[in-house]
Amino acid sequence: MTGKRRLPSFKKTALELVQCPLCRGRAITKGVFYELPCERCNASGWVAASGEDLTLEELVTQLSLNLKGAMQSIEQLKKPQASGPGATYQGSNRRGAGGTNYTGD
């Protein structure tokens, strides 16, 4: 053997997606008489940030991974987070006797 062999990754990583420069994210292009689905982005409006076209199978996977990440961000922003001096009184810090809440009073 002359070098290391590269094996495929066992995990998919989310690629950065940008709007298709041909259709500008609209997923359709103007034809002579009517609008046509954009062939560069497979009528999705998204391409890889490197500018390369994605196969339909890879595009579906990347859109799903990006949607999942966006949904997690939205759920995290929905959760109210207490701040200030009253933040320590919210919930249990398990520092008291028997794992109860200890506030220091």
Protein backbone atom coordinates (compact mmCIF):
# COMPACT_ATOMS: atom_id res chain seq x y z
CA MET A 1 0.00 0.00 0.00
CA THR A 2 1.27 3.42 -0.84
CA GLY A 3 -0.92 5.60 1.38
CA LYS A 4 -3.88 5.87 3.69
CA ARG A 5 -7.27 4.85 2.39
CA ARG A 6 -10.10 7.29 2.84
CA LEU A 7 -13.25 5.64 4.11
CA PRO A 8 -16.65 7.30 3.85
CA SER A 9 -17.85 9.11 6.93
CA PHE A 10 -20.37 7.31 9.11
CA LYS A 11 -22.13 10.58 9.96
CA LYS A 12 -23.59 13.17 7.63
CA THR A 13 -22.54 16.73 8.33
CA ALA A 14 -24.70 19.69 7.42
CA LEU A 15 -23.28 21.76 4.57
CA GLU A 16 -23.77 25.49 4.42
CA LEU A 17 -26.43 26.21 1.83
CA VAL A 18 -26.84 29.46 -0.10
CA GLN A 19 -29.47 30.65 -2.54
CA CYS A 20 -29.04 29.44 -6.09
CA PRO A 21 -27.38 32.19 -8.15
CA LEU A 22 -29.26 31.20 -11.31
CA CYS A 23 -32.81 31.45 -9.96
CA ARG A 24 -31.93 33.61 -6.90
CA GLY A 25 -33.72 31.19 -4.55
CA ARG A 26 -37.03 31.24 -6.42
CA ALA A 27 -36.68 27.63 -7.72
CA ILE A 28 -37.95 28.68 -11.17
CA THR A 29 -36.35 30.38 -14.17
CA LYS A 30 -37.98 32.41 -16.92
CA GLY A 31 -38.47 30.56 -20.16
CA VAL A 32 -39.44 32.15 -23.44
CA PHE A 33 -43.16 31.71 -22.84
CA TYR A 34 -43.50 30.28 -19.34
CA GLU A 35 -41.55 29.59 -16.15
CA LEU A 36 -39.40 26.45 -15.89
CA PRO A 37 -38.05 24.60 -12.83
CA CYS A 38 -34.43 25.58 -12.18
CA GLU A 39 -32.16 22.74 -13.27
CA ARG A 40 -29.11 23.88 -11.33
CA CYS A 41 -30.68 23.61 -7.88
CA ASN A 42 -33.22 20.85 -8.71
CA ALA A 43 -36.04 23.39 -8.22
CA SER A 44 -35.21 23.87 -4.54
CA GLY A 45 -33.60 27.32 -4.62
CA TRP A 46 -30.53 26.11 -2.66
CA VAL A 47 -26.98 25.06 -3.61
CA ALA A 48 -23.87 24.34 -1.55
CA ALA A 49 -21.92 27.40 -0.36
CA SER A 50 -19.01 26.26 -2.53
CA GLY A 51 -21.29 26.77 -5.55
CA GLU A 52 -21.46 23.09 -6.48
CA ASP A 53 -24.73 21.50 -7.49
CA LEU A 54 -26.08 18.84 -5.16
CA THR A 55 -27.70 15.62 -6.28
CA LEU A 56 -31.37 15.30 -5.44
CA GLU A 57 -30.67 12.71 -2.74
CA GLU A 58 -27.94 14.85 -1.12
CA LEU A 59 -30.11 17.96 -1.39
CA VAL A 60 -32.99 16.34 0.51
CA THR A 61 -30.58 15.19 3.23
CA GLN A 62 -28.97 18.63 3.57
CA LEU A 63 -32.32 20.43 3.67
CA SER A 64 -33.51 18.04 6.36
CA LEU A 65 -30.37 18.56 8.47
CA ASN A 66 -30.63 22.34 8.15
CA LEU A 67 -34.34 22.30 9.01
CA LYS A 68 -33.66 20.15 12.06
CA GLY A 69 -31.00 22.61 13.26
CA ALA A 70 -33.33 25.56 12.70
CA MET A 71 -36.15 23.86 14.62
CA GLN A 72 -33.80 23.19 17.56
CA SER A 73 -32.76 26.86 17.56
CA ILE A 74 -36.40 27.98 17.57
CA GLU A 75 -37.28 25.64 20.45
CA GLN A 76 -34.29 26.89 22.45
CA LEU A 77 -35.35 30.52 21.91
CA LYS A 78 -38.92 29.72 23.03
CA LYS A 79 -37.78 28.54 26.46
CA PRO A 80 -37.84 31.42 28.94
CA GLN A 81 -34.58 31.84 30.79
CA ALA A 82 -34.54 33.65 34.12
CA SER A 83 -31.82 36.21 34.66
CA GLY A 84 -30.74 38.45 37.48
CA PRO A 85 -30.89 37.80 41.20
CA GLY A 86 -34.16 35.86 40.97
CA ALA A 87 -32.64 33.27 38.62
CA THR A 88 -31.20 31.24 41.51
CA TYR A 89 -34.68 30.89 43.08
CA GLN A 90 -36.14 29.26 39.95
CA GLY A 91 -36.07 25.47 40.01
CA SER A 92 -34.02 23.17 42.17
CA ASN A 93 -30.25 23.50 42.49
CA ARG A 94 -30.07 20.26 44.57
CA ARG A 95 -27.63 21.77 47.09
CA GLY A 96 -29.79 21.43 50.18
CA ALA A 97 -30.29 18.52 52.56
CA GLY A 98 -31.55 15.47 50.70
CA GLY A 99 -31.13 17.17 47.32
CA THR A 100 -33.61 19.93 48.05
CA ASN A 101 -33.35 23.51 46.84
CA TYR A 102 -30.90 25.70 48.82
CA THR A 103 -31.25 29.46 48.46
CA GLY A 104 -28.79 30.59 51.13
CA ASP A 105 -31.38 32.35 53.28
